[in-house]
Every structure is written in structure tokens, then in C-alpha cells.
PDB file of N, CA and C in Angstrom:
ATOM      1  N   MET A   1      71.615 111.324 161.636  1.00  0.00           N
ATOM      2  CA  MET A   1      72.142 112.500 160.993  1.00  0.00           C
ATOM      3  C   MET A   1      71.475 113.742 161.584  1.00  0.00           C
ATOM      4  N   ARG A   2      72.255 114.773 161.737  1.00  0.00           N
ATOM      5  CA  ARG A   2      71.741 116.061 162.208  1.00  0.00           C
ATOM      6  C   ARG A   2      72.145 117.124 161.204  1.00  0.00           C
ATOM      7  N   GLY A   3      71.298 118.085 161.000  1.00  0.00           N
ATOM      8  CA  GLY A   3      71.613 119.141 160.053  1.00  0.00           C
ATOM      9  C   GLY A   3      70.916 120.425 160.407  1.00  0.00           C
ATOM     10  N   VAL A   4      71.362 121.494 159.794  1.00  0.00           N
ATOM     11  CA  VAL A   4      70.750 122.809 159.919  1.00  0.00           C
ATOM     12  C   VAL A   4      70.609 123.394 158.519  1.00  0.00           C
ATOM     13  N   TYR A   5      69.719 124.351 158.369  1.00  0.00           N
ATOM     14  CA  TYR A   5      69.575 124.960 157.055  1.00  0.00           C
ATOM     15  C   TYR A   5      70.593 126.080 156.870  1.00  0.00           C
ATOM     16  N   GLY A   6      70.903 126.350 155.604  1.00  0.00           N
ATOM     17  CA  GLY A   6      71.815 127.429 155.260  1.00  0.00           C
ATOM     18  C   GLY A   6      71.085 128.580 154.616  1.00  0.00           C
ATOM     19  N   ASN A   7      71.823 129.623 154.317  1.00  0.00           N
ATOM     20  CA  ASN A   7      71.207 130.850 153.819  1.00  0.00           C
ATOM     21  C   ASN A   7      70.587 130.710 152.429  1.00  0.00           C
ATOM     22  N   ILE A   8      70.970 129.730 151.633  1.00  0.00           N
ATOM     23  CA  ILE A   8      70.342 129.589 150.316  1.00  0.00           C
ATOM     24  C   ILE A   8      69.310 128.464 150.274  1.00  0.00           C
ATOM     25  N   ASP A   9      69.079 127.805 151.402  1.00  0.00           N
ATOM     26  CA  ASP A   9      68.095 126.724 151.431  1.00  0.00           C
ATOM     27  C   ASP A   9      66.676 127.271 151.432  1.00  0.00           C
ATOM     28  N   GLY A  10      65.806 126.558 150.748  1.00  0.00           N
ATOM     29  CA  GLY A  10      64.409 126.948 150.657  1.00  0.00           C
ATOM     30  C   GLY A  10      63.557 126.323 151.754  1.00  0.00           C
ATOM     31  N   LYS A  11      62.239 126.519 151.626  1.00  0.00           N
ATOM     32  CA  LYS A  11      61.288 126.011 152.617  1.00  0.00           C
ATOM     33  C   LYS A  11      61.394 124.508 152.813  1.00  0.00           C
ATOM     34  N   ASP A  12      61.636 123.773 151.732  1.00  0.00           N
ATOM     35  CA  ASP A  12      61.683 122.316 151.833  1.00  0.00           C
ATOM     36  C   ASP A  12      62.739 121.846 152.826  1.00  0.00           C
ATOM     37  N   ILE A  13      63.895 122.497 152.858  1.00  0.00           N
ATOM     38  CA  ILE A  13      64.967 122.151 153.801  1.00  0.00           C
ATOM     39  C   ILE A  13      64.686 122.771 155.171  1.00  0.00           C
ATOM     40  N   ARG A  14      64.189 123.987 155.202  1.00  0.00           N
ATOM     41  CA  ARG A  14      63.933 124.683 156.472  1.00  0.00           C
ATOM     42  C   ARG A  14      62.838 124.015 157.293  1.00  0.00           C
ATOM     43  N   ILE A  15      61.944 123.299 156.637  1.00  0.00           N
ATOM     44  CA  ILE A  15      60.911 122.547 157.354  1.00  0.00           C
ATOM     45  C   ILE A  15      61.520 121.345 158.073  1.00  0.00           C
ATOM     46  N   ILE A  16      62.518 120.747 157.461  1.00  0.00           N
ATOM     47  CA  ILE A  16      63.149 119.537 158.001  1.00  0.00           C
ATOM     48  C   ILE A  16      64.213 119.854 159.052  1.00  0.00           C
ATOM     49  N   HIS A  17      65.019 120.897 158.774  1.00  0.00           N
ATOM     50  CA  HIS A  17      66.162 121.210 159.640  1.00  0.00           C
ATOM     51  C   HIS A  17      66.009 122.598 160.263  1.00  0.00           C
ATOM     52  N   PRO A  18      66.385 122.752 161.534  1.00  0.00           N
ATOM     53  CA  PRO A  18      66.287 124.056 162.204  1.00  0.00           C
ATOM     54  C   PRO A  18      67.486 124.955 161.872  1.00  0.00           C
ATOM     55  N   LYS A  19      67.445 126.173 162.362  1.00  0.00           N
ATOM     56  CA  LYS A  19      68.558 127.112 162.185  1.00  0.00           C
ATOM     57  C   LYS A  19      69.755 126.692 163.037  1.00  0.00           C
ATOM     58  N   ASN A  20      69.489 126.204 164.246  1.00  0.00           N
ATOM     59  CA  ASN A  20      70.526 125.764 165.188  1.00  0.00           C
ATOM     60  C   ASN A  20      70.164 124.396 165.740  1.00  0.00           C
ATOM     61  N   GLN A  21      71.175 123.614 166.021  1.00  0.00           N
ATOM     62  CA  GLN A  21      70.978 122.348 166.741  1.00  0.00           C
ATOM     63  C   GLN A  21      71.982 122.322 167.886  1.00  0.00           C
ATOM     64  N   ARG A  22      71.469 122.177 169.098  1.00  0.00           N
ATOM     65  CA  ARG A  22      72.323 121.970 170.272  1.00  0.00           C
ATOM     66  C   ARG A  22      71.909 120.650 170.874  1.00  0.00           C
ATOM     67  N   PHE A  23      72.883 119.784 171.119  1.00  0.00           N
ATOM     68  CA  PHE A  23      72.576 118.472 171.665  1.00  0.00           C
ATOM     69  C   PHE A  23      73.832 117.894 172.325  1.00  0.00           C
ATOM     70  N   GLU A  24      73.651 116.793 173.038  1.00  0.00           N
ATOM     71  CA  GLU A  24      74.776 116.085 173.654  1.00  0.00           C
ATOM     72  C   GLU A  24      74.896 114.711 173.032  1.00  0.00           C
ATOM     73  N   MET A  25      76.133 114.292 172.837  1.00  0.00           N
ATOM     74  CA  MET A  25      76.395 112.981 172.261  1.00  0.00           C
ATOM     75  C   MET A  25      77.750 112.478 172.754  1.00  0.00           C
ATOM     76  N   GLU A  26      77.765 111.290 173.287  1.00  0.00           N
ATOM     77  CA  GLU A  26      79.009 110.649 173.746  1.00  0.00           C
ATOM     78  C   GLU A  26      79.820 111.543 174.676  1.00  0.00           C
ATOM     79  N   GLY A  27      79.125 112.294 175.535  1.00  0.00           N
ATOM     80  CA  GLY A  27      79.795 113.137 176.521  1.00  0.00           C
ATOM     81  C   GLY A  27      80.180 114.515 176.021  1.00  0.00           C
ATOM     82  N   PHE A  28      79.863 114.842 174.784  1.00  0.00           N
ATOM     83  CA  PHE A  28      80.173 116.147 174.210  1.00  0.00           C
ATOM     84  C   PHE A  28      78.917 116.999 174.102  1.00  0.00           C
ATOM     85  N   LYS A  29      79.067 118.294 174.375  1.00  0.00           N
ATOM     86  CA  LYS A  29      78.029 119.279 174.070  1.00  0.00           C
ATOM     87  C   LYS A  29      78.359 119.807 172.680  1.00  0.00           C
ATOM     88  N   ILE A  30      77.397 119.709 171.772  1.00  0.00           N
ATOM     89  CA  ILE A  30      77.633 120.055 170.374  1.00  0.00           C
ATOM     90  C   ILE A  30      76.637 121.116 169.933  1.00  0.00           C
ATOM     91  N   TRP A  31      77.115 122.065 169.148  1.00  0.00           N
ATOM     92  CA  TRP A  31      76.273 123.093 168.561  1.00  0.00           C
ATOM     93  C   TRP A  31      76.570 123.141 167.069  1.00  0.00           C
ATOM     94  N   ILE A  32      75.530 123.000 166.254  1.00  0.00           N
ATOM     95  CA  ILE A  32      75.653 123.116 164.809  1.00  0.00           C
ATOM     96  C   ILE A  32      74.788 124.295 164.359  1.00  0.00           C
ATOM     97  N   THR A  33      75.358 125.162 163.534  1.00  0.00           N
ATOM     98  CA  THR A  33      74.631 126.268 162.923  1.00  0.00           C
ATOM     99  C   THR A  33      75.271 126.558 161.581  1.00  0.00           C
ATOM    100  N   HIS A  34      74.641 127.360 160.770  1.00  0.00           N
ATOM    101  CA  HIS A  34      75.226 127.642 159.457  1.00  0.00           C
ATOM    102  C   HIS A  34      76.208 128.812 159.518  1.00  0.00           C
ATOM    103  N   ILE A  35      75.741 129.969 159.948  1.00  0.00           N
ATOM    104  CA  ILE A  35      76.619 131.146 160.020  1.00  0.00           C
ATOM    105  C   ILE A  35      77.072 131.307 161.463  1.00  0.00           C
ATOM    106  N   GLY A  36      78.348 131.010 161.733  1.00  0.00           N
ATOM    107  CA  GLY A  36      78.827 131.044 163.100  1.00  0.00           C
ATOM    108  C   GLY A  36      80.143 131.765 163.293  1.00  0.00           C
ATOM    109  N   GLY A  37      81.042 131.603 162.354  1.00  0.00           N
ATOM    110  CA  GLY A  37      82.359 132.209 162.498  1.00  0.00           C
ATOM    111  C   GLY A  37      83.354 131.265 163.142  1.00  0.00           C
ATOM    112  N   TYR A  38      84.426 131.847 163.656  1.00  0.00           N
ATOM    113  CA  TYR A  38      85.504 131.060 164.258  1.00  0.00           C
ATOM    114  C   TYR A  38      86.169 131.916 165.331  1.00  0.00           C
ATOM    115  N   PRO A  39      87.069 131.343 166.132  1.00  0.00           N
ATOM    116  CA  PRO A  39      87.663 132.079 167.254  1.00  0.00           C
ATOM    117  C   PRO A  39      88.150 133.473 166.859  1.00  0.00           C
ATOM    118  N   GLY A  40      87.687 134.461 167.624  1.00  0.00           N
ATOM    119  CA  GLY A  40      88.041 135.850 167.375  1.00  0.00           C
ATOM    120  C   GLY A  40      87.182 136.515 166.313  1.00  0.00           C
ATOM    121  N   HIS A  41      86.375 135.719 165.614  1.00  0.00           N
ATOM    122  CA  HIS A  41      85.560 136.245 164.508  1.00  0.00           C
ATOM    123  C   HIS A  41      84.179 135.595 164.481  1.00  0.00           C
ATOM    124  N   TYR A  42      83.584 135.405 165.653  1.00  0.00           N
ATOM    125  CA  TYR A  42      82.236 134.834 165.689  1.00  0.00           C
ATOM    126  C   TYR A  42      81.232 135.865 165.180  1.00  0.00           C
ATOM    127  N   SER A  43      80.178 135.383 164.557  1.00  0.00           N
ATOM    128  CA  SER A  43      79.145 136.296 164.084  1.00  0.00           C
ATOM    129  C   SER A  43      78.476 136.938 165.297  1.00  0.00           C
ATOM    130  N   PRO A  44      77.968 138.166 165.153  1.00  0.00           N
ATOM    131  CA  PRO A  44      77.353 138.861 166.292  1.00  0.00           C
ATOM    132  C   PRO A  44      76.239 138.051 166.952  1.00  0.00           C
ATOM    133  N   GLU A  45      75.446 137.362 166.171  1.00  0.00           N
ATOM    134  CA  GLU A  45      74.333 136.578 166.714  1.00  0.00           C
ATOM    135  C   GLU A  45      74.825 135.432 167.601  1.00  0.00           C
ATOM    136  N   ILE A  46      75.994 134.920 167.311  1.00  0.00           N
ATOM    137  CA  ILE A  46      76.554 133.766 168.024  1.00  0.00           C
ATOM    138  C   ILE A  46      77.416 134.188 169.213  1.00  0.00           C
ATOM    139  N   ARG A  47      78.131 135.275 169.070  1.00  0.00           N
ATOM    140  CA  ARG A  47      79.176 135.680 170.020  1.00  0.00           C
ATOM    141  C   ARG A  47      78.743 135.630 171.483  1.00  0.00           C
ATOM    142  N   LYS A  48      77.604 136.245 171.805  1.00  0.00           N
ATOM    143  CA  LYS A  48      77.174 136.309 173.213  1.00  0.00           C
ATOM    144  C   LYS A  48      76.861 134.923 173.754  1.00  0.00           C
ATOM    145  N   GLU A  49      76.063 134.165 173.043  1.00  0.00           N
ATOM    146  CA  GLU A  49      75.668 132.850 173.549  1.00  0.00           C
ATOM    147  C   GLU A  49      76.860 131.906 173.676  1.00  0.00           C
ATOM    148  N   ILE A  50      77.771 131.967 172.716  1.00  0.00           N
ATOM    149  CA  ILE A  50      78.895 131.039 172.746  1.00  0.00           C
ATOM    150  C   ILE A  50      79.853 131.367 173.900  1.00  0.00           C
ATOM    151  N   SER A  51      79.928 132.643 174.295  1.00  0.00           N
ATOM    152  CA  SER A  51      80.798 132.997 175.416  1.00  0.00           C
ATOM    153  C   SER A  51      80.174 132.635 176.757  1.00  0.00           C
ATOM    154  N   VAL A  52      78.843 132.636 176.835  1.00  0.00           N
ATOM    155  CA  VAL A  52      78.139 132.294 178.068  1.00  0.00           C
ATOM    156  C   VAL A  52      77.962 130.781 178.206  1.00  0.00           C
ATOM    157  N   ASN A  53      77.699 130.118 177.102  1.00  0.00           N
ATOM    158  CA  ASN A  53      77.404 128.688 177.132  1.00  0.00           C
ATOM    159  C   ASN A  53      78.119 127.973 175.979  1.00  0.00           C
ATOM    160  N   PRO A  54      79.462 127.887 176.050  1.00  0.00           N
ATOM    161  CA  PRO A  54      80.186 127.277 174.943  1.00  0.00           C
ATOM    162  C   PRO A  54      79.997 125.763 174.890  1.00  0.00           C
ATOM    163  N   PRO A  55      79.842 125.220 173.692  1.00  0.00           N
ATOM    164  CA  PRO A  55      79.800 123.767 173.555  1.00  0.00           C
ATOM    165  C   PRO A  55      81.231 123.229 173.561  1.00  0.00           C
ATOM    166  N   ASP A  56      81.367 121.940 173.518  1.00  0.00           N
ATOM    167  CA  ASP A  56      82.690 121.323 173.353  1.00  0.00           C
ATOM    168  C   ASP A  56      83.094 121.334 171.882  1.00  0.00           C
ATOM    169  N   ILE A  57      82.084 121.160 171.018  1.00  0.00           N
ATOM    170  CA  ILE A  57      82.308 121.137 169.575  1.00  0.00           C
ATOM    171  C   ILE A  57      81.330 122.111 168.927  1.00  0.00           C
ATOM    172  N   PHE A  58      81.858 123.024 168.121  1.00  0.00           N
ATOM    173  CA  PHE A  58      81.054 124.015 167.411  1.00  0.00           C
ATOM    174  C   PHE A  58      81.257 123.795 165.918  1.00  0.00           C
ATOM    175  N   ILE A  59      80.172 123.473 165.211  1.00  0.00           N
ATOM    176  CA  ILE A  59      80.257 123.181 163.780  1.00  0.00           C
ATOM    177  C   ILE A  59      79.438 124.219 163.028  1.00  0.00           C
ATOM    178  N   CYS A  60      80.064 124.884 162.078  1.00  0.00           N
ATOM    179  CA  CYS A  60      79.360 125.861 161.253  1.00  0.00           C
ATOM    180  C   CYS A  60      79.994 125.920 159.872  1.00  0.00           C
ATOM    181  N   GLY A  61      79.316 126.572 158.970  1.00  0.00           N
ATOM    182  CA  GLY A  61      79.812 126.652 157.605  1.00  0.00           C
ATOM    183  C   GLY A  61      79.767 128.070 157.095  1.00  0.00           C
ATOM    184  N   HIS A  62      79.044 128.291 156.036  1.00  0.00           N
ATOM    185  CA  HIS A  62      78.771 129.564 155.379  1.00  0.00           C
ATOM    186  C   HIS A  62      79.961 130.114 154.595  1.00  0.00           C
ATOM    187  N   SER A  63      81.154 130.139 155.160  1.00  0.00           N
ATOM    188  CA  SER A  63      82.289 130.753 154.470  1.00  0.00           C
ATOM    189  C   SER A  63      82.836 129.883 153.337  1.00  0.00           C
ATOM    190  N   HIS A  64      82.499 128.596 153.350  1.00  0.00           N
ATOM    191  CA  HIS A  64      83.012 127.616 152.395  1.00  0.00           C
ATOM    192  C   HIS A  64      84.515 127.393 152.566  1.00  0.00           C
ATOM    193  N   ILE A  65      85.073 127.844 153.685  1.00  0.00           N
ATOM    194  CA  ILE A  65      86.504 127.692 153.940  1.00  0.00           C
ATOM    195  C   ILE A  65      86.710 126.594 154.975  1.00  0.00           C
ATOM    196  N   LEU A  66      87.332 125.512 154.566  1.00  0.00           N
ATOM    197  CA  LEU A  66      87.621 124.394 155.453  1.00  0.00           C
ATOM    198  C   LEU A  66      88.533 124.862 156.578  1.00  0.00           C
ATOM    199  N   LYS A  67      88.109 124.616 157.815  1.00  0.00           N
ATOM    200  CA  LYS A  67      88.907 125.055 158.956  1.00  0.00           C
ATOM    201  C   LYS A  67      88.558 124.208 160.167  1.00  0.00           C
ATOM    202  N   ILE A  68      89.577 123.717 160.850  1.00  0.00           N
ATOM    203  CA  ILE A  68      89.402 123.023 162.127  1.00  0.00           C
ATOM    204  C   ILE A  68      90.378 123.690 163.084  1.00  0.00           C
ATOM    205  N   ILE A  69      89.822 124.312 164.128  1.00  0.00           N
ATOM    206  CA  ILE A  69      90.639 125.122 165.026  1.00  0.00           C
ATOM    207  C   ILE A  69      90.104 125.001 166.456  1.00  0.00           C
ATOM    208  N   THR A  70      90.965 125.174 167.426  1.00  0.00           N
ATOM    209  CA  THR A  70      90.586 125.135 168.835  1.00  0.00           C
ATOM    210  C   THR A  70      90.518 126.555 169.370  1.00  0.00           C
ATOM    211  N   ASP A  71      89.448 126.876 170.093  1.00  0.00           N
ATOM    212  CA  ASP A  71      89.333 128.182 170.737  1.00  0.00           C
ATOM    213  C   ASP A  71      89.847 128.055 172.159  1.00  0.00           C
ATOM    214  N   LYS A  72      91.057 128.484 172.365  1.00  0.00           N
ATOM    215  CA  LYS A  72      91.700 128.359 173.672  1.00  0.00           C
ATOM    216  C   LYS A  72      91.042 129.250 174.727  1.00  0.00           C
ATOM    217  N   ASN A  73      90.297 130.274 174.304  1.00  0.00           N
ATOM    218  CA  ASN A  73      89.604 131.161 175.238  1.00  0.00           C
ATOM    219  C   ASN A  73      88.274 130.587 175.711  1.00  0.00           C
ATOM    220  N   LEU A  74      87.809 129.536 175.084  1.00  0.00           N
ATOM    221  CA  LEU A  74      86.525 128.925 175.460  1.00  0.00           C
ATOM    222  C   LEU A  74      86.719 127.433 175.755  1.00  0.00           C
ATOM    223  N   ASN A  75      87.541 127.152 176.745  1.00  0.00           N
ATOM    224  CA  ASN A  75      87.761 125.778 177.220  1.00  0.00           C
ATOM    225  C   ASN A  75      88.180 124.817 176.108  1.00  0.00           C
ATOM    226  N   ASN A  76      89.016 125.305 175.184  1.00  0.00           N
ATOM    227  CA  ASN A  76      89.507 124.482 174.074  1.00  0.00           C
ATOM    228  C   ASN A  76      88.380 123.908 173.226  1.00  0.00           C
ATOM    229  N   MET A  77      87.339 124.702 173.039  1.00  0.00           N
ATOM    230  CA  MET A  77      86.224 124.304 172.178  1.00  0.00           C
ATOM    231  C   MET A  77      86.772 124.044 170.770  1.00  0.00           C
ATOM    232  N   ILE A  78      86.359 122.938 170.186  1.00  0.00           N
ATOM    233  CA  ILE A  78      86.785 122.588 168.839  1.00  0.00           C
ATOM    234  C   ILE A  78      85.801 123.204 167.850  1.00  0.00           C
ATOM    235  N   CYS A  79      86.309 124.012 166.939  1.00  0.00           N
ATOM    236  CA  CYS A  79      85.495 124.677 165.917  1.00  0.00           C
ATOM    237  C   CYS A  79      85.776 124.001 164.580  1.00  0.00           C
ATOM    238  N   ILE A  80      84.712 123.540 163.948  1.00  0.00           N
ATOM    239  CA  ILE A  80      84.856 122.831 162.678  1.00  0.00           C
ATOM    240  C   ILE A  80      84.012 123.517 161.611  1.00  0.00           C
ATOM    241  N   ASN A  81      84.653 123.906 160.528  1.00  0.00           N
ATOM    242  CA  ASN A  81      83.954 124.350 159.327  1.00  0.00           C
ATOM    243  C   ASN A  81      84.342 123.330 158.259  1.00  0.00           C
ATOM    244  N   PRO A  82      83.392 122.521 157.802  1.00  0.00           N
ATOM    245  CA  PRO A  82      83.714 121.444 156.866  1.00  0.00           C
ATOM    246  C   PRO A  82      83.972 121.902 155.436  1.00  0.00           C
ATOM    247  N   GLY A  83      83.991 123.211 155.196  1.00  0.00           N
ATOM    248  CA  GLY A  83      84.153 123.712 153.834  1.00  0.00           C
ATOM    249  C   GLY A  83      82.801 123.732 153.156  1.00  0.00           C
ATOM    250  N   ALA A  84      82.720 123.181 151.953  1.00  0.00           N
ATOM    251  CA  ALA A  84      81.461 123.153 151.214  1.00  0.00           C
ATOM    252  C   ALA A  84      81.396 121.897 150.373  1.00  0.00           C
ATOM    253  N   ALA A  85      80.267 121.221 150.433  1.00  0.00           N
ATOM    254  CA  ALA A  85      80.084 119.976 149.682  1.00  0.00           C
ATOM    255  C   ALA A  85      79.220 120.160 148.449  1.00  0.00           C
ATOM    256  N   GLY A  86      78.730 121.369 148.229  1.00  0.00           N
ATOM    257  CA  GLY A  86      77.828 121.624 147.103  1.00  0.00           C
ATOM    258  C   GLY A  86      78.515 122.311 145.939  1.00  0.00           C
ATOM    259  N   ASN A  87      77.732 122.650 144.952  1.00  0.00           N
ATOM    260  CA  ASN A  87      78.260 123.287 143.752  1.00  0.00           C
ATOM    261  C   ASN A  87      78.155 124.806 143.762  1.00  0.00           C
ATOM    262  N   HIS A  88      77.424 125.385 144.728  1.00  0.00           N
ATOM    263  CA  HIS A  88      77.301 126.845 144.804  1.00  0.00           C
ATOM    264  C   HIS A  88      78.445 127.408 145.637  1.00  0.00           C
ATOM    265  N   GLY A  89      78.964 128.545 145.247  1.00  0.00           N
ATOM    266  CA  GLY A  89      80.017 129.205 146.008  1.00  0.00           C
ATOM    267  C   GLY A  89      81.292 129.340 145.212  1.00  0.00           C
ATOM    268  N   PHE A  90      82.330 129.817 145.883  1.00  0.00           N
ATOM    269  CA  PHE A  90      83.595 130.092 145.223  1.00  0.00           C
ATOM    270  C   PHE A  90      84.651 129.012 145.456  1.00  0.00           C
ATOM    271  N   HIS A  91      84.347 128.024 146.302  1.00  0.00           N
ATOM    272  CA  HIS A  91      85.320 126.980 146.598  1.00  0.00           C
ATOM    273  C   HIS A  91      85.638 126.196 145.324  1.00  0.00           C
ATOM    274  N   GLN A  92      86.836 125.644 145.258  1.00  0.00           N
ATOM    275  CA  GLN A  92      87.259 124.885 144.089  1.00  0.00           C
ATOM    276  C   GLN A  92      87.014 123.387 144.265  1.00  0.00           C
ATOM    277  N   VAL A  93      87.202 122.907 145.491  1.00  0.00           N
ATOM    278  CA  VAL A  93      87.053 121.480 145.796  1.00  0.00           C
ATOM    279  C   VAL A  93      85.970 121.310 146.851  1.00  0.00           C
ATOM    280  N   LYS A  94      85.070 120.375 146.635  1.00  0.00           N
ATOM    281  CA  LYS A  94      84.008 120.077 147.601  1.00  0.00           C
ATOM    282  C   LYS A  94      84.615 119.230 148.729  1.00  0.00           C
ATOM    283  N   THR A  95      84.316 119.621 149.975  1.00  0.00           N
ATOM    284  CA  THR A  95      84.880 118.920 151.130  1.00  0.00           C
ATOM    285  C   THR A  95      83.830 118.686 152.206  1.00  0.00           C
ATOM    286  N   LEU A  96      84.139 117.734 153.067  1.00  0.00           N
ATOM    287  CA  LEU A  96      83.388 117.512 154.292  1.00  0.00           C
ATOM    288  C   LEU A  96      84.360 116.991 155.333  1.00  0.00           C
ATOM    289  N   VAL A  97      83.953 117.007 156.588  1.00  0.00           N
ATOM    290  CA  VAL A  97      84.779 116.507 157.682  1.00  0.00           C
ATOM    291  C   VAL A  97      84.024 115.375 158.347  1.00  0.00           C
ATOM    292  N   LYS A  98      84.715 114.268 158.554  1.00  0.00           N
ATOM    293  CA  LYS A  98      84.113 113.092 159.183  1.00  0.00           C
ATOM    294  C   LYS A  98      84.924 112.748 160.435  1.00  0.00           C
ATOM    295  N   PHE A  99      84.200 112.361 161.501  1.00  0.00           N
ATOM    296  CA  PHE A  99      84.885 111.952 162.729  1.00  0.00           C
ATOM    297  C   PHE A  99      83.950 111.084 163.546  1.00  0.00           C
ATOM    298  N   ASP A 100      84.525 110.353 164.485  1.00  0.00           N
ATOM    299  CA  ASP A 100      83.770 109.507 165.401  1.00  0.00           C
ATOM    300  C   ASP A 100      83.846 110.103 166.800  1.00  0.00           C
ATOM    301  N   LEU A 101      82.755 109.985 167.538  1.00  0.00           N
ATOM    302  CA  LEU A 101      82.722 110.370 168.942  1.00  0.00           C
ATOM    303  C   LEU A 101      82.468 109.118 169.750  1.00  0.00           C
ATOM    304  N   LEU A 102      83.285 108.888 170.756  1.00  0.00           N
ATOM    305  CA  LEU A 102      83.112 107.710 171.594  1.00  0.00           C
ATOM    306  C   LEU A 102      83.651 107.999 172.987  1.00  0.00           C
ATOM    307  N   ASN A 103      82.765 107.954 173.982  1.00  0.00           N
ATOM    308  CA  ASN A 103      83.165 108.137 175.380  1.00  0.00           C
ATOM    309  C   ASN A 103      84.041 109.369 175.602  1.00  0.00           C
ATOM    310  N   LYS A 104      83.537 110.528 175.147  1.00  0.00           N
ATOM    311  CA  LYS A 104      84.236 111.807 175.335  1.00  0.00           C
ATOM    312  C   LYS A 104      85.588 111.859 174.612  1.00  0.00           C
ATOM    313  N   LYS A 105      85.709 111.102 173.532  1.00  0.00           N
ATOM    314  CA  LYS A 105      86.911 111.149 172.694  1.00  0.00           C
ATOM    315  C   LYS A 105      86.497 111.371 171.247  1.00  0.00           C
ATOM    316  N   ILE A 106      87.276 112.209 170.574  1.00  0.00           N
ATOM    317  CA  ILE A 106      87.104 112.397 169.139  1.00  0.00           C
ATOM    318  C   ILE A 106      88.168 111.546 168.467  1.00  0.00           C
ATOM    319  N   GLU A 107      87.723 110.689 167.565  1.00  0.00           N
ATOM    320  CA  GLU A 107      88.659 109.789 166.885  1.00  0.00           C
ATOM    321  C   GLU A 107      88.415 109.828 165.380  1.00  0.00           C
ATOM    322  N   ASN A 108      89.418 109.432 164.642  1.00  0.00           N
ATOM    323  CA  ASN A 108      89.334 109.237 163.191  1.00  0.00           C
ATOM    324  C   ASN A 108      88.874 110.474 162.437  1.00  0.00           C
ATOM    325  N   MET A 109      89.271 111.666 162.892  1.00  0.00           N
ATOM    326  CA  MET A 109      88.864 112.869 162.170  1.00  0.00           C
ATOM    327  C   MET A 109      89.637 112.943 160.867  1.00  0.00           C
ATOM    328  N   LYS A 110      88.876 113.182 159.781  1.00  0.00           N
ATOM    329  CA  LYS A 110      89.531 113.318 158.491  1.00  0.00           C
ATOM    330  C   LYS A 110      88.710 114.204 157.572  1.00  0.00           C
ATOM    331  N   VAL A 111      89.425 114.862 156.687  1.00  0.00           N
ATOM    332  CA  VAL A 111      88.808 115.673 155.652  1.00  0.00           C
ATOM    333  C   VAL A 111      88.628 114.783 154.430  1.00  0.00           C
ATOM    334  N   ILE A 112      87.443 114.826 153.877  1.00  0.00           N
ATOM    335  CA  ILE A 112      87.155 114.045 152.679  1.00  0.00           C
ATOM    336  C   ILE A 112      86.895 115.011 151.529  1.00  0.00           C
ATOM    337  N   GLU A 113      87.646 114.830 150.440  1.00  0.00           N
ATOM    338  CA  GLU A 113      87.441 115.639 149.247  1.00  0.00           C
ATOM    339  C   GLU A 113      86.498 114.902 148.313  1.00  0.00           C
ATOM    340  N   LEU A 114      85.507 115.631 147.818  1.00  0.00           N
ATOM    341  CA  LEU A 114      84.466 115.048 146.976  1.00  0.00           C
ATOM    342  C   LEU A 114      84.646 115.393 145.495  1.00  0.00           C
ATOM    343  N   GLY A 115      85.750 115.969 145.139  1.00  0.00           N
ATOM    344  CA  GLY A 115      86.002 116.353 143.756  1.00  0.00           C
ATOM    345  C   GLY A 115      85.802 117.836 143.540  1.00  0.00           C
ATOM    346  N   LYS A 116      86.003 118.242 142.312  1.00  0.00           N
ATOM    347  CA  LYS A 116      85.890 119.665 141.972  1.00  0.00           C
ATOM    348  C   LYS A 116      84.445 120.128 141.959  1.00  0.00           C
ATOM    349  N   ARG A 117      84.267 121.405 142.315  1.00  0.00           N
ATOM    350  CA  ARG A 117      82.938 122.020 142.301  1.00  0.00           C
ATOM    351  C   ARG A 117      82.464 122.153 140.857  1.00  0.00           C
ATOM    352  N   GLY A 118      81.169 121.968 140.677  1.00  0.00           N
ATOM    353  CA  GLY A 118      80.587 122.201 139.368  1.00  0.00           C
ATOM    354  C   GLY A 118      80.352 120.974 138.526  1.00  0.00           C
TER     355      GLY A 118
END
């Protein structure tokens, strides 16, 4: 499992997980961060680095809005925001995104609903 801390996480989580994770797995370059944005709306902190060194898969959250989109301007980078799996925020349904990576292929991608928030 890989994770990053979010804006409401305390020291206990920040000690375990970094702000950003960049790594390679099954032929993919992957970047996970909390506040990242999406095509055309990347956060200022992310925008420069992502245009110079885009990953194949970019995973971020913060907005609590489930979104899976391809950035056609950055070599069809796949951008995934899994929504929100916790009880804090304005989302109505808790969600996550699950997928398998195997030999430079993404398979079995699905959204999993975890029930109502709260």
C-alpha cells in the first residue's frame, strides 16, 4: 500500500506518509499527492513539475469529487481522483477507485461505493 497525507491529517499520519509519492510499478510512472487538480486545473505547486515530468498515472484527492480523466496534453496521462472515503467533507457517498496494474496495462478499474458519509 502507498499513501500520502492530506490537509487535515495530523502528525501521526504525516510521520508515516509523505506529501508526495513518485514511483514505478508494472511499467507505469505513478505520482500520488493530495492536492493536485486535474487537466486544465492543476494546482500551482503541481503545474510546473507535471508539465516537465508527467507520470503515466496521476492520483490526487482533496476536492472529494470522484473523477477519472485523461490529460491529452500530457501523453494521455490518466488522472484519478477517488472521491472521498472518510466522513469529513461535503460528499454524500464515500468512494474509492480500485484497479490492477500488470505489464503496462490497467485492468479491472472500478469505483467502489462505501455507503453514505457520516
